[in-house]
Amino acid sequence: MIPTLLTATSVFIIAFIAAPLVDIDGIREPVSGSLLYGNNIISGAIISTSAAIGLHFYPIWEAASVDEWLYNGGAYELIVLHFLLGVACYMGREWELSFRLGMRPWIAVAYSALIPA
């Protein structure tokens, strides 16, 4: 749980500050969202591509280079997948703690209904 959430947090901070341009819709017109490319705290964002929103899994080992991976929205996908894995691990720890304390263990799962929604 801790390594995945720390990975998601650190990559988010680094990408918010210094991520390169991202091809947002596949027409090779890059969009910047980081602070180093002229955005401020309000307009800064981690830019996702249409492929990274849920259509394709684009791991870093499938790219020819790290620059290509970053250009195609790899940082966004890394942040989202590591965060979801960390939240799932946290839910498991909640369930285990309530089970060990003799509570109703599925209450922790019921209160986490907003996570998959």
PDB file of N, CA and C in Angstrom:
ATOM      1  N   MET A   1       0.824  -1.190   0.000  1.00  0.00           N
ATOM      2  CA  MET A   1       0.000   0.000   0.000  1.00  0.00           C
ATOM      3  C   MET A   1       0.866   1.251   0.000  1.00  0.00           C
ATOM      4  N   ILE A   2       1.810   1.320   0.918  1.00  0.00           N
ATOM      5  CA  ILE A   2       2.650   2.513   1.036  1.00  0.00           C
ATOM      6  C   ILE A   2       3.498   2.734  -0.218  1.00  0.00           C
ATOM      7  N   PRO A   3       4.164   1.706  -0.776  1.00  0.00           N
ATOM      8  CA  PRO A   3       4.969   1.961  -1.981  1.00  0.00           C
ATOM      9  C   PRO A   3       4.149   2.444  -3.174  1.00  0.00           C
ATOM     10  N   THR A   4       2.951   1.894  -3.368  1.00  0.00           N
ATOM     11  CA  THR A   4       2.167   2.328  -4.521  1.00  0.00           C
ATOM     12  C   THR A   4       1.647   3.752  -4.339  1.00  0.00           C
ATOM     13  N   LEU A   5       1.218   4.093  -3.132  1.00  0.00           N
ATOM     14  CA  LEU A   5       0.735   5.458  -2.906  1.00  0.00           C
ATOM     15  C   LEU A   5       1.874   6.473  -2.944  1.00  0.00           C
ATOM     16  N   LEU A   6       3.046   6.091  -2.443  1.00  0.00           N
ATOM     17  CA  LEU A   6       4.203   6.990  -2.545  1.00  0.00           C
ATOM     18  C   LEU A   6       4.642   7.169  -3.991  1.00  0.00           C
ATOM     19  N   THR A   7       4.579   6.106  -4.776  1.00  0.00           N
ATOM     20  CA  THR A   7       4.913   6.213  -6.199  1.00  0.00           C
ATOM     21  C   THR A   7       3.941   7.139  -6.906  1.00  0.00           C
ATOM     22  N   ALA A   8       2.654   6.965  -6.667  1.00  0.00           N
ATOM     23  CA  ALA A   8       1.655   7.822  -7.304  1.00  0.00           C
ATOM     24  C   ALA A   8       1.832   9.277  -6.887  1.00  0.00           C
ATOM     25  N   THR A   9       2.099   9.520  -5.613  1.00  0.00           N
ATOM     26  CA  THR A   9       2.268  10.888  -5.127  1.00  0.00           C
ATOM     27  C   THR A   9       3.521  11.534  -5.683  1.00  0.00           C
ATOM     28  N   SER A  10       4.634  10.815  -5.664  1.00  0.00           N
ATOM     29  CA  SER A  10       5.885  11.410  -6.146  1.00  0.00           C
ATOM     30  C   SER A  10       5.849  11.648  -7.651  1.00  0.00           C
ATOM     31  N   VAL A  11       5.287  10.720  -8.416  1.00  0.00           N
ATOM     32  CA  VAL A  11       5.183  10.934  -9.864  1.00  0.00           C
ATOM     33  C   VAL A  11       4.225  12.075 -10.160  1.00  0.00           C
ATOM     34  N   PHE A  12       3.151  12.205  -9.381  1.00  0.00           N
ATOM     35  CA  PHE A  12       2.240  13.333  -9.585  1.00  0.00           C
ATOM     36  C   PHE A  12       2.951  14.660  -9.364  1.00  0.00           C
ATOM     37  N   ILE A  13       3.712  14.767  -8.294  1.00  0.00           N
ATOM     38  CA  ILE A  13       4.413  16.024  -8.004  1.00  0.00           C
ATOM     39  C   ILE A  13       5.445  16.327  -9.075  1.00  0.00           C
ATOM     40  N   ILE A  14       6.225  15.322  -9.462  1.00  0.00           N
ATOM     41  CA  ILE A  14       7.244  15.539 -10.493  1.00  0.00           C
ATOM     42  C   ILE A  14       6.594  15.887 -11.828  1.00  0.00           C
ATOM     43  N   ALA A  15       5.525  15.186 -12.197  1.00  0.00           N
ATOM     44  CA  ALA A  15       4.858  15.462 -13.466  1.00  0.00           C
ATOM     45  C   ALA A  15       4.166  16.817 -13.443  1.00  0.00           C
ATOM     46  N   PHE A  16       3.630  17.221 -12.313  1.00  0.00           N
ATOM     47  CA  PHE A  16       2.988  18.534 -12.225  1.00  0.00           C
ATOM     48  C   PHE A  16       4.004  19.647 -12.409  1.00  0.00           C
ATOM     49  N   ILE A  17       5.219  19.412 -11.961  1.00  0.00           N
ATOM     50  CA  ILE A  17       6.255  20.436 -12.082  1.00  0.00           C
ATOM     51  C   ILE A  17       6.951  20.368 -13.432  1.00  0.00           C
ATOM     52  N   ALA A  18       7.305  19.171 -13.908  1.00  0.00           N
ATOM     53  CA  ALA A  18       8.225  19.092 -15.039  1.00  0.00           C
ATOM     54  C   ALA A  18       7.849  18.087 -16.117  1.00  0.00           C
ATOM     55  N   ALA A  19       6.607  17.733 -16.299  1.00  0.00           N
ATOM     56  CA  ALA A  19       6.253  16.771 -17.346  1.00  0.00           C
ATOM     57  C   ALA A  19       6.380  17.409 -18.723  1.00  0.00           C
ATOM     58  N   PRO A  20       6.839  16.649 -19.701  1.00  0.00           N
ATOM     59  CA  PRO A  20       6.931  17.197 -21.061  1.00  0.00           C
ATOM     60  C   PRO A  20       5.555  17.284 -21.718  1.00  0.00           C
ATOM     61  N   LEU A  21       5.538  17.758 -22.934  1.00  0.00           N
ATOM     62  CA  LEU A  21       4.297  17.894 -23.682  1.00  0.00           C
ATOM     63  C   LEU A  21       3.681  16.521 -23.952  1.00  0.00           C
ATOM     64  N   VAL A  22       2.345  16.486 -24.025  1.00  0.00           N
ATOM     65  CA  VAL A  22       1.617  15.229 -24.220  1.00  0.00           C
ATOM     66  C   VAL A  22       0.699  15.375 -25.423  1.00  0.00           C
ATOM     67  N   ASP A  23       0.668  14.337 -26.255  1.00  0.00           N
ATOM     68  CA  ASP A  23      -0.252  14.291 -27.394  1.00  0.00           C
ATOM     69  C   ASP A  23      -1.620  13.874 -26.866  1.00  0.00           C
ATOM     70  N   ILE A  24      -2.534  14.820 -26.761  1.00  0.00           N
ATOM     71  CA  ILE A  24      -3.780  14.571 -26.036  1.00  0.00           C
ATOM     72  C   ILE A  24      -4.816  13.809 -26.860  1.00  0.00           C
ATOM     73  N   ASP A  25      -4.849  13.991 -28.161  1.00  0.00           N
ATOM     74  CA  ASP A  25      -5.907  13.349 -28.937  1.00  0.00           C
ATOM     75  C   ASP A  25      -5.412  12.599 -30.164  1.00  0.00           C
ATOM     76  N   GLY A  26      -4.121  12.389 -30.277  1.00  0.00           N
ATOM     77  CA  GLY A  26      -3.593  11.573 -31.352  1.00  0.00           C
ATOM     78  C   GLY A  26      -3.343  12.281 -32.660  1.00  0.00           C
ATOM     79  N   ILE A  27      -3.477  13.603 -32.709  1.00  0.00           N
ATOM     80  CA  ILE A  27      -3.237  14.319 -33.961  1.00  0.00           C
ATOM     81  C   ILE A  27      -1.883  15.016 -33.962  1.00  0.00           C
ATOM     82  N   ARG A  28      -1.016  14.600 -33.053  1.00  0.00           N
ATOM     83  CA  ARG A  28       0.358  15.109 -32.941  1.00  0.00           C
ATOM     84  C   ARG A  28       0.409  16.612 -32.705  1.00  0.00           C
ATOM     85  N   GLU A  29      -0.533  17.100 -31.904  1.00  0.00           N
ATOM     86  CA  GLU A  29      -0.497  18.485 -31.454  1.00  0.00           C
ATOM     87  C   GLU A  29      -0.345  18.451 -29.935  1.00  0.00           C
ATOM     88  N   PRO A  30       0.894  18.581 -29.439  1.00  0.00           N
ATOM     89  CA  PRO A  30       1.136  18.388 -28.007  1.00  0.00           C
ATOM     90  C   PRO A  30       0.565  19.511 -27.146  1.00  0.00           C
ATOM     91  N   VAL A  31       0.165  19.123 -25.935  1.00  0.00           N
ATOM     92  CA  VAL A  31      -0.405  20.045 -24.956  1.00  0.00           C
ATOM     93  C   VAL A  31       0.464  19.999 -23.711  1.00  0.00           C
ATOM     94  N   SER A  32       0.732  21.162 -23.145  1.00  0.00           N
ATOM     95  CA  SER A  32       1.547  21.206 -21.926  1.00  0.00           C
ATOM     96  C   SER A  32       0.649  21.413 -20.715  1.00  0.00           C
ATOM     97  N   GLY A  33       1.057  20.824 -19.598  1.00  0.00           N
ATOM     98  CA  GLY A  33       0.289  20.993 -18.376  1.00  0.00           C
ATOM     99  C   GLY A  33       1.156  21.265 -17.171  1.00  0.00           C
ATOM    100  N   SER A  34       2.473  21.210 -17.341  1.00  0.00           N
ATOM    101  CA  SER A  34       3.365  21.348 -16.190  1.00  0.00           C
ATOM    102  C   SER A  34       3.746  22.802 -15.950  1.00  0.00           C
ATOM    103  N   LEU A  35       4.302  23.035 -14.774  1.00  0.00           N
ATOM    104  CA  LEU A  35       4.688  24.392 -14.393  1.00  0.00           C
ATOM    105  C   LEU A  35       5.855  24.916 -15.223  1.00  0.00           C
ATOM    106  N   LEU A  36       6.762  24.039 -15.625  1.00  0.00           N
ATOM    107  CA  LEU A  36       7.917  24.481 -16.406  1.00  0.00           C
ATOM    108  C   LEU A  36       7.559  24.911 -17.820  1.00  0.00           C
ATOM    109  N   TYR A  37       6.390  24.559 -18.297  1.00  0.00           N
ATOM    110  CA  TYR A  37       5.959  24.955 -19.633  1.00  0.00           C
ATOM    111  C   TYR A  37       5.001  26.143 -19.602  1.00  0.00           C
ATOM    112  N   GLY A  38       5.036  26.929 -18.540  1.00  0.00           N
ATOM    113  CA  GLY A  38       4.298  28.181 -18.509  1.00  0.00           C
ATOM    114  C   GLY A  38       2.967  28.151 -17.797  1.00  0.00           C
ATOM    115  N   ASN A  39       2.562  27.050 -17.236  1.00  0.00           N
ATOM    116  CA  ASN A  39       1.314  27.010 -16.479  1.00  0.00           C
ATOM    117  C   ASN A  39       1.570  27.472 -15.051  1.00  0.00           C
ATOM    118  N   ASN A  40       0.521  27.927 -14.396  1.00  0.00           N
ATOM    119  CA  ASN A  40       0.644  28.275 -12.984  1.00  0.00           C
ATOM    120  C   ASN A  40      -0.067  27.213 -12.146  1.00  0.00           C
ATOM    121  N   ILE A  41      -0.167  27.449 -10.858  1.00  0.00           N
ATOM    122  CA  ILE A  41      -0.761  26.452  -9.962  1.00  0.00           C
ATOM    123  C   ILE A  41      -2.216  26.164 -10.341  1.00  0.00           C
ATOM    124  N   ILE A  42      -2.936  27.161 -10.801  1.00  0.00           N
ATOM    125  CA  ILE A  42      -4.345  26.979 -11.146  1.00  0.00           C
ATOM    126  C   ILE A  42      -4.507  26.237 -12.468  1.00  0.00           C
ATOM    127  N   SER A  43      -3.707  26.584 -13.476  1.00  0.00           N
ATOM    128  CA  SER A  43      -3.887  25.980 -14.798  1.00  0.00           C
ATOM    129  C   SER A  43      -3.034  24.739 -15.025  1.00  0.00           C
ATOM    130  N   GLY A  44      -2.203  24.371 -14.066  1.00  0.00           N
ATOM    131  CA  GLY A  44      -1.374  23.183 -14.220  1.00  0.00           C
ATOM    132  C   GLY A  44      -2.202  21.917 -14.097  1.00  0.00           C
ATOM    133  N   ALA A  45      -1.804  20.895 -14.846  1.00  0.00           N
ATOM    134  CA  ALA A  45      -2.538  19.628 -14.824  1.00  0.00           C
ATOM    135  C   ALA A  45      -1.645  18.506 -15.308  1.00  0.00           C
ATOM    136  N   ILE A  46      -2.028  17.300 -14.956  1.00  0.00           N
ATOM    137  CA  ILE A  46      -1.398  16.118 -15.526  1.00  0.00           C
ATOM    138  C   ILE A  46      -2.245  15.751 -16.741  1.00  0.00           C
ATOM    139  N   ILE A  47      -1.672  15.869 -17.919  1.00  0.00           N
ATOM    140  CA  ILE A  47      -2.429  15.688 -19.148  1.00  0.00           C
ATOM    141  C   ILE A  47      -2.529  14.201 -19.474  1.00  0.00           C
ATOM    142  N   SER A  48      -3.739  13.766 -19.755  1.00  0.00           N
ATOM    143  CA  SER A  48      -3.945  12.379 -20.176  1.00  0.00           C
ATOM    144  C   SER A  48      -4.198  12.345 -21.675  1.00  0.00           C
ATOM    145  N   THR A  49      -3.958  11.216 -22.283  1.00  0.00           N
ATOM    146  CA  THR A  49      -4.304  11.048 -23.688  1.00  0.00           C
ATOM    147  C   THR A  49      -5.613  10.293 -23.778  1.00  0.00           C
ATOM    148  N   SER A  50      -6.186  10.275 -24.956  1.00  0.00           N
ATOM    149  CA  SER A  50      -7.418   9.510 -25.130  1.00  0.00           C
ATOM    150  C   SER A  50      -7.153   8.021 -24.957  1.00  0.00           C
ATOM    151  N   ALA A  51      -5.931   7.584 -25.258  1.00  0.00           N
ATOM    152  CA  ALA A  51      -5.593   6.171 -25.093  1.00  0.00           C
ATOM    153  C   ALA A  51      -5.364   5.808 -23.630  1.00  0.00           C
ATOM    154  N   ALA A  52      -4.992   6.774 -22.794  1.00  0.00           N
ATOM    155  CA  ALA A  52      -4.680   6.482 -21.393  1.00  0.00           C
ATOM    156  C   ALA A  52      -5.906   6.530 -20.496  1.00  0.00           C
ATOM    157  N   ILE A  53      -7.035   6.930 -21.010  1.00  0.00           N
ATOM    158  CA  ILE A  53      -8.213   7.080 -20.169  1.00  0.00           C
ATOM    159  C   ILE A  53      -8.884   5.736 -19.900  1.00  0.00           C
ATOM    160  N   GLY A  54      -8.555   4.716 -20.615  1.00  0.00           N
ATOM    161  CA  GLY A  54      -9.129   3.419 -20.324  1.00  0.00           C
ATOM    162  C   GLY A  54      -9.186   2.512 -21.525  1.00  0.00           C
ATOM    163  N   LEU A  55      -8.734   2.989 -22.648  1.00  0.00           N
ATOM    164  CA  LEU A  55      -8.798   2.171 -23.844  1.00  0.00           C
ATOM    165  C   LEU A  55      -7.629   1.205 -23.956  1.00  0.00           C
ATOM    166  N   HIS A  56      -6.444   1.648 -23.569  1.00  0.00           N
ATOM    167  CA  HIS A  56      -5.240   0.843 -23.751  1.00  0.00           C
ATOM    168  C   HIS A  56      -4.364   0.925 -22.511  1.00  0.00           C
ATOM    169  N   PHE A  57      -3.665  -0.157 -22.242  1.00  0.00           N
ATOM    170  CA  PHE A  57      -2.640  -0.157 -21.208  1.00  0.00           C
ATOM    171  C   PHE A  57      -1.310   0.044 -21.909  1.00  0.00           C
ATOM    172  N   TYR A  58      -0.598   1.112 -21.566  1.00  0.00           N
ATOM    173  CA  TYR A  58       0.643   1.464 -22.251  1.00  0.00           C
ATOM    174  C   TYR A  58       1.787   1.449 -21.246  1.00  0.00           C
ATOM    175  N   PRO A  59       2.362   0.274 -20.991  1.00  0.00           N
ATOM    176  CA  PRO A  59       3.454   0.202 -20.013  1.00  0.00           C
ATOM    177  C   PRO A  59       4.741   0.786 -20.572  1.00  0.00           C
ATOM    178  N   ILE A  60       5.641   1.119 -19.677  1.00  0.00           N
ATOM    179  CA  ILE A  60       6.878   1.779 -20.079  1.00  0.00           C
ATOM    180  C   ILE A  60       7.766   0.850 -20.902  1.00  0.00           C
ATOM    181  N   TRP A  61       7.668  -0.461 -20.698  1.00  0.00           N
ATOM    182  CA  TRP A  61       8.521  -1.381 -21.449  1.00  0.00           C
ATOM    183  C   TRP A  61       8.035  -1.596 -22.879  1.00  0.00           C
ATOM    184  N   GLU A  62       6.835  -1.139 -23.219  1.00  0.00           N
ATOM    185  CA  GLU A  62       6.350  -1.243 -24.594  1.00  0.00           C
ATOM    186  C   GLU A  62       6.786  -0.062 -25.452  1.00  0.00           C
ATOM    187  N   ALA A  63       7.218   1.012 -24.837  1.00  0.00           N
ATOM    188  CA  ALA A  63       7.626   2.199 -25.582  1.00  0.00           C
ATOM    189  C   ALA A  63       9.064   2.051 -26.056  1.00  0.00           C
ATOM    190  N   ALA A  64       9.386   2.736 -27.141  1.00  0.00           N
ATOM    191  CA  ALA A  64      10.750   2.701 -27.665  1.00  0.00           C
ATOM    192  C   ALA A  64      11.698   3.493 -26.781  1.00  0.00           C
ATOM    193  N   SER A  65      11.181   4.530 -26.130  1.00  0.00           N
ATOM    194  CA  SER A  65      11.996   5.345 -25.231  1.00  0.00           C
ATOM    195  C   SER A  65      11.100   5.939 -24.154  1.00  0.00           C
ATOM    196  N   VAL A  66      11.727   6.470 -23.134  1.00  0.00           N
ATOM    197  CA  VAL A  66      10.966   7.119 -22.063  1.00  0.00           C
ATOM    198  C   VAL A  66      10.293   8.381 -22.594  1.00  0.00           C
ATOM    199  N   ASP A  67      10.940   9.069 -23.527  1.00  0.00           N
ATOM    200  CA  ASP A  67      10.334  10.271 -24.109  1.00  0.00           C
ATOM    201  C   ASP A  67       9.032   9.939 -24.840  1.00  0.00           C
ATOM    202  N   GLU A  68       9.029   8.847 -25.575  1.00  0.00           N
ATOM    203  CA  GLU A  68       7.805   8.432 -26.266  1.00  0.00           C
ATOM    204  C   GLU A  68       6.714   8.071 -25.265  1.00  0.00           C
ATOM    205  N   TRP A  69       7.100   7.383 -24.189  1.00  0.00           N
ATOM    206  CA  TRP A  69       6.138   6.998 -23.158  1.00  0.00           C
ATOM    207  C   TRP A  69       5.523   8.229 -22.502  1.00  0.00           C
ATOM    208  N   LEU A  70       6.356   9.216 -22.196  1.00  0.00           N
ATOM    209  CA  LEU A  70       5.848  10.449 -21.599  1.00  0.00           C
ATOM    210  C   LEU A  70       4.998  11.233 -22.591  1.00  0.00           C
ATOM    211  N   TYR A  71       5.392  11.244 -23.862  1.00  0.00           N
ATOM    212  CA  TYR A  71       4.647  11.971 -24.894  1.00  0.00           C
ATOM    213  C   TYR A  71       3.255  11.384 -25.090  1.00  0.00           C
ATOM    214  N   ASN A  72       3.117  10.096 -24.878  1.00  0.00           N
ATOM    215  CA  ASN A  72       1.823   9.439 -25.054  1.00  0.00           C
ATOM    216  C   ASN A  72       1.035   9.301 -23.755  1.00  0.00           C
ATOM    217  N   GLY A  73       1.368  10.060 -22.731  1.00  0.00           N
ATOM    218  CA  GLY A  73       0.585  10.090 -21.502  1.00  0.00           C
ATOM    219  C   GLY A  73       0.894   8.993 -20.518  1.00  0.00           C
ATOM    220  N   GLY A  74       2.108   8.510 -20.500  1.00  0.00           N
ATOM    221  CA  GLY A  74       2.470   7.426 -19.600  1.00  0.00           C
ATOM    222  C   GLY A  74       2.453   7.823 -18.139  1.00  0.00           C
ATOM    223  N   ALA A  75       2.809   9.067 -17.842  1.00  0.00           N
ATOM    224  CA  ALA A  75       2.827   9.508 -16.441  1.00  0.00           C
ATOM    225  C   ALA A  75       1.423   9.495 -15.842  1.00  0.00           C
ATOM    226  N   TYR A  76       0.437   9.917 -16.618  1.00  0.00           N
ATOM    227  CA  TYR A  76      -0.951   9.912 -16.145  1.00  0.00           C
ATOM    228  C   TYR A  76      -1.398   8.490 -15.819  1.00  0.00           C
ATOM    229  N   GLU A  77      -1.082   7.571 -16.724  1.00  0.00           N
ATOM    230  CA  GLU A  77      -1.488   6.189 -16.506  1.00  0.00           C
ATOM    231  C   GLU A  77      -0.787   5.585 -15.296  1.00  0.00           C
ATOM    232  N   LEU A  78       0.489   5.898 -15.117  1.00  0.00           N
ATOM    233  CA  LEU A  78       1.228   5.391 -13.962  1.00  0.00           C
ATOM    234  C   LEU A  78       0.620   5.907 -12.666  1.00  0.00           C
ATOM    235  N   ILE A  79       0.267   7.181 -12.632  1.00  0.00           N
ATOM    236  CA  ILE A  79      -0.327   7.775 -11.433  1.00  0.00           C
ATOM    237  C   ILE A  79      -1.664   7.110 -11.115  1.00  0.00           C
ATOM    238  N   VAL A  80      -2.524   6.985 -12.102  1.00  0.00           N
ATOM    239  CA  VAL A  80      -3.865   6.443 -11.870  1.00  0.00           C
ATOM    240  C   VAL A  80      -3.810   4.980 -11.443  1.00  0.00           C
ATOM    241  N   LEU A  81      -3.016   4.173 -12.135  1.00  0.00           N
ATOM    242  CA  LEU A  81      -2.977   2.748 -11.799  1.00  0.00           C
ATOM    243  C   LEU A  81      -2.345   2.499 -10.434  1.00  0.00           C
ATOM    244  N   HIS A  82      -1.291   3.229 -10.094  1.00  0.00           N
ATOM    245  CA  HIS A  82      -0.682   3.046  -8.777  1.00  0.00           C
ATOM    246  C   HIS A  82      -1.603   3.547  -7.665  1.00  0.00           C
ATOM    247  N   PHE A  83      -2.326   4.634  -7.926  1.00  0.00           N
ATOM    248  CA  PHE A  83      -3.259   5.130  -6.914  1.00  0.00           C
ATOM    249  C   PHE A  83      -4.396   4.136  -6.685  1.00  0.00           C
ATOM    250  N   LEU A  84      -4.950   3.585  -7.765  1.00  0.00           N
ATOM    251  CA  LEU A  84      -6.034   2.614  -7.606  1.00  0.00           C
ATOM    252  C   LEU A  84      -5.561   1.349  -6.898  1.00  0.00           C
ATOM    253  N   LEU A  85      -4.353   0.910  -7.196  1.00  0.00           N
ATOM    254  CA  LEU A  85      -3.807  -0.255  -6.504  1.00  0.00           C
ATOM    255  C   LEU A  85      -3.587   0.047  -5.022  1.00  0.00           C
ATOM    256  N   GLY A  86      -3.108   1.251  -4.701  1.00  0.00           N
ATOM    257  CA  GLY A  86      -2.921   1.639  -3.304  1.00  0.00           C
ATOM    258  C   GLY A  86      -4.232   1.725  -2.551  1.00  0.00           C
ATOM    259  N   VAL A  87      -5.269   2.241  -3.199  1.00  0.00           N
ATOM    260  CA  VAL A  87      -6.583   2.327  -2.553  1.00  0.00           C
ATOM    261  C   VAL A  87      -7.157   0.931  -2.329  1.00  0.00           C
ATOM    262  N   ALA A  88      -6.959   0.034  -3.288  1.00  0.00           N
ATOM    263  CA  ALA A  88      -7.432  -1.343  -3.109  1.00  0.00           C
ATOM    264  C   ALA A  88      -6.703  -2.018  -1.949  1.00  0.00           C
ATOM    265  N   CYS A  89      -5.416  -1.767  -1.815  1.00  0.00           N
ATOM    266  CA  CYS A  89      -4.665  -2.327  -0.683  1.00  0.00           C
ATOM    267  C   CYS A  89      -5.150  -1.740   0.635  1.00  0.00           C
ATOM    268  N   TYR A  90      -5.469  -0.444   0.638  1.00  0.00           N
ATOM    269  CA  TYR A  90      -5.988   0.180   1.854  1.00  0.00           C
ATOM    270  C   TYR A  90      -7.332  -0.432   2.244  1.00  0.00           C
ATOM    271  N   MET A  91      -8.174  -0.703   1.261  1.00  0.00           N
ATOM    272  CA  MET A  91      -9.453  -1.343   1.555  1.00  0.00           C
ATOM    273  C   MET A  91      -9.242  -2.731   2.152  1.00  0.00           C
ATOM    274  N   GLY A  92      -8.255  -3.450   1.638  1.00  0.00           N
ATOM    275  CA  GLY A  92      -7.952  -4.763   2.191  1.00  0.00           C
ATOM    276  C   GLY A  92      -7.472  -4.688   3.624  1.00  0.00           C
ATOM    277  N   ARG A  93      -6.677  -3.681   3.928  1.00  0.00           N
ATOM    278  CA  ARG A  93      -6.204  -3.511   5.307  1.00  0.00           C
ATOM    279  C   ARG A  93      -7.355  -3.121   6.230  1.00  0.00           C
ATOM    280  N   GLU A  94      -8.262  -2.287   5.746  1.00  0.00           N
ATOM    281  CA  GLU A  94      -9.446  -1.949   6.536  1.00  0.00           C
ATOM    282  C   GLU A  94     -10.263  -3.203   6.843  1.00  0.00           C
ATOM    283  N   TRP A  95     -10.457  -4.029   5.831  1.00  0.00           N
ATOM    284  CA  TRP A  95     -11.224  -5.255   6.015  1.00  0.00           C
ATOM    285  C   TRP A  95     -10.540  -6.171   7.020  1.00  0.00           C
ATOM    286  N   GLU A  96      -9.221  -6.327   6.884  1.00  0.00           N
ATOM    287  CA  GLU A  96      -8.498  -7.215   7.796  1.00  0.00           C
ATOM    288  C   GLU A  96      -8.541  -6.698   9.229  1.00  0.00           C
ATOM    289  N   LEU A  97      -8.392  -5.390   9.413  1.00  0.00           N
ATOM    290  CA  LEU A  97      -8.437  -4.826  10.764  1.00  0.00           C
ATOM    291  C   LEU A  97      -9.805  -5.039  11.398  1.00  0.00           C
ATOM    292  N   SER A  98     -10.865  -4.778  10.643  1.00  0.00           N
ATOM    293  CA  SER A  98     -12.195  -4.973  11.215  1.00  0.00           C
ATOM    294  C   SER A  98     -12.470  -6.456  11.479  1.00  0.00           C
ATOM    295  N   PHE A  99     -11.932  -7.337  10.658  1.00  0.00           N
ATOM    296  CA  PHE A  99     -12.093  -8.774  10.892  1.00  0.00           C
ATOM    297  C   PHE A  99     -11.367  -9.201  12.157  1.00  0.00           C
ATOM    298  N   ARG A 100     -10.151  -8.700  12.349  1.00  0.00           N
ATOM    299  CA  ARG A 100      -9.359  -9.075  13.526  1.00  0.00           C
ATOM    300  C   ARG A 100      -9.958  -8.516  14.812  1.00  0.00           C
ATOM    301  N   LEU A 101     -10.618  -7.370  14.727  1.00  0.00           N
ATOM    302  CA  LEU A 101     -11.231  -6.776  15.910  1.00  0.00           C
ATOM    303  C   LEU A 101     -12.605  -7.370  16.214  1.00  0.00           C
ATOM    304  N   GLY A 102     -13.065  -8.285  15.390  1.00  0.00           N
ATOM    305  CA  GLY A 102     -14.355  -8.916  15.631  1.00  0.00           C
ATOM    306  C   GLY A 102     -15.529  -8.084  15.170  1.00  0.00           C
ATOM    307  N   MET A 103     -15.269  -7.095  14.345  1.00  0.00           N
ATOM    308  CA  MET A 103     -16.350  -6.268  13.821  1.00  0.00           C
ATOM    309  C   MET A 103     -16.918  -6.938  12.569  1.00  0.00           C
ATOM    310  N   ARG A 104     -17.919  -6.337  12.014  1.00  0.00           N
ATOM    311  CA  ARG A 104     -18.452  -6.854  10.760  1.00  0.00           C
ATOM    312  C   ARG A 104     -17.510  -6.406   9.640  1.00  0.00           C
ATOM    313  N   PRO A 105     -16.788  -7.332   9.038  1.00  0.00           N
ATOM    314  CA  PRO A 105     -15.733  -6.918   8.118  1.00  0.00           C
ATOM    315  C   PRO A 105     -16.233  -6.332   6.811  1.00  0.00           C
ATOM    316  N   TRP A 106     -17.474  -6.591   6.443  1.00  0.00           N
ATOM    317  CA  TRP A 106     -17.932  -6.089   5.152  1.00  0.00           C
ATOM    318  C   TRP A 106     -18.427  -4.654   5.221  1.00  0.00           C
ATOM    319  N   ILE A 107     -18.484  -4.076   6.415  1.00  0.00           N
ATOM    320  CA  ILE A 107     -18.863  -2.667   6.519  1.00  0.00           C
ATOM    321  C   ILE A 107     -17.806  -1.789   5.862  1.00  0.00           C
ATOM    322  N   ALA A 108     -16.537  -2.170   6.000  1.00  0.00           N
ATOM    323  CA  ALA A 108     -15.465  -1.413   5.344  1.00  0.00           C
ATOM    324  C   ALA A 108     -15.627  -1.448   3.831  1.00  0.00           C
ATOM    325  N   VAL A 109     -16.070  -2.562   3.308  1.00  0.00           N
ATOM    326  CA  VAL A 109     -16.291  -2.669   1.864  1.00  0.00           C
ATOM    327  C   VAL A 109     -17.511  -1.844   1.460  1.00  0.00           C
ATOM    328  N   ALA A 110     -18.544  -1.838   2.285  1.00  0.00           N
ATOM    329  CA  ALA A 110     -19.746  -1.070   1.961  1.00  0.00           C
ATOM    330  C   ALA A 110     -19.456   0.425   1.934  1.00  0.00           C
ATOM    331  N   TYR A 111     -18.619   0.896   2.851  1.00  0.00           N
ATOM    332  CA  TYR A 111     -18.297   2.318   2.872  1.00  0.00           C
ATOM    333  C   TYR A 111     -17.336   2.720   1.756  1.00  0.00           C
ATOM    334  N   SER A 112     -16.766   1.756   1.075  1.00  0.00           N
ATOM    335  CA  SER A 112     -15.865   2.077  -0.023  1.00  0.00           C
ATOM    336  C   SER A 112     -16.572   2.023  -1.373  1.00  0.00           C
ATOM    337  N   ALA A 113     -17.870   2.101  -1.403  1.00  0.00           N
ATOM    338  CA  ALA A 113     -18.620   2.001  -2.658  1.00  0.00           C
ATOM    339  C   ALA A 113     -18.333   3.162  -3.598  1.00  0.00           C
ATOM    340  N   LEU A 114     -17.882   4.281  -3.082  1.00  0.00           N
ATOM    341  CA  LEU A 114     -17.588   5.424  -3.947  1.00  0.00           C
ATOM    342  C   LEU A 114     -16.301   5.236  -4.736  1.00  0.00           C
ATOM    343  N   ILE A 115     -15.428   4.365  -4.302  1.00  0.00           N
ATOM    344  CA  ILE A 115     -14.144   4.188  -4.986  1.00  0.00           C
ATOM    345  C   ILE A 115     -14.334   3.616  -6.385  1.00  0.00           C
ATOM    346  N   PRO A 116     -15.061   2.519  -6.584  1.00  0.00           N
ATOM    347  CA  PRO A 116     -15.231   2.049  -7.964  1.00  0.00           C
ATOM    348  C   PRO A 116     -16.181   2.913  -8.784  1.00  0.00           C
ATOM    349  N   ALA A 117     -17.027   3.681  -8.116  1.00  0.00           N
ATOM    350  CA  ALA A 117     -17.952   4.539  -8.858  1.00  0.00           C
ATOM    351  C   ALA A 117     -17.190   5.694  -9.408  1.00  0.00           C
TER     352      ALA A 117
END
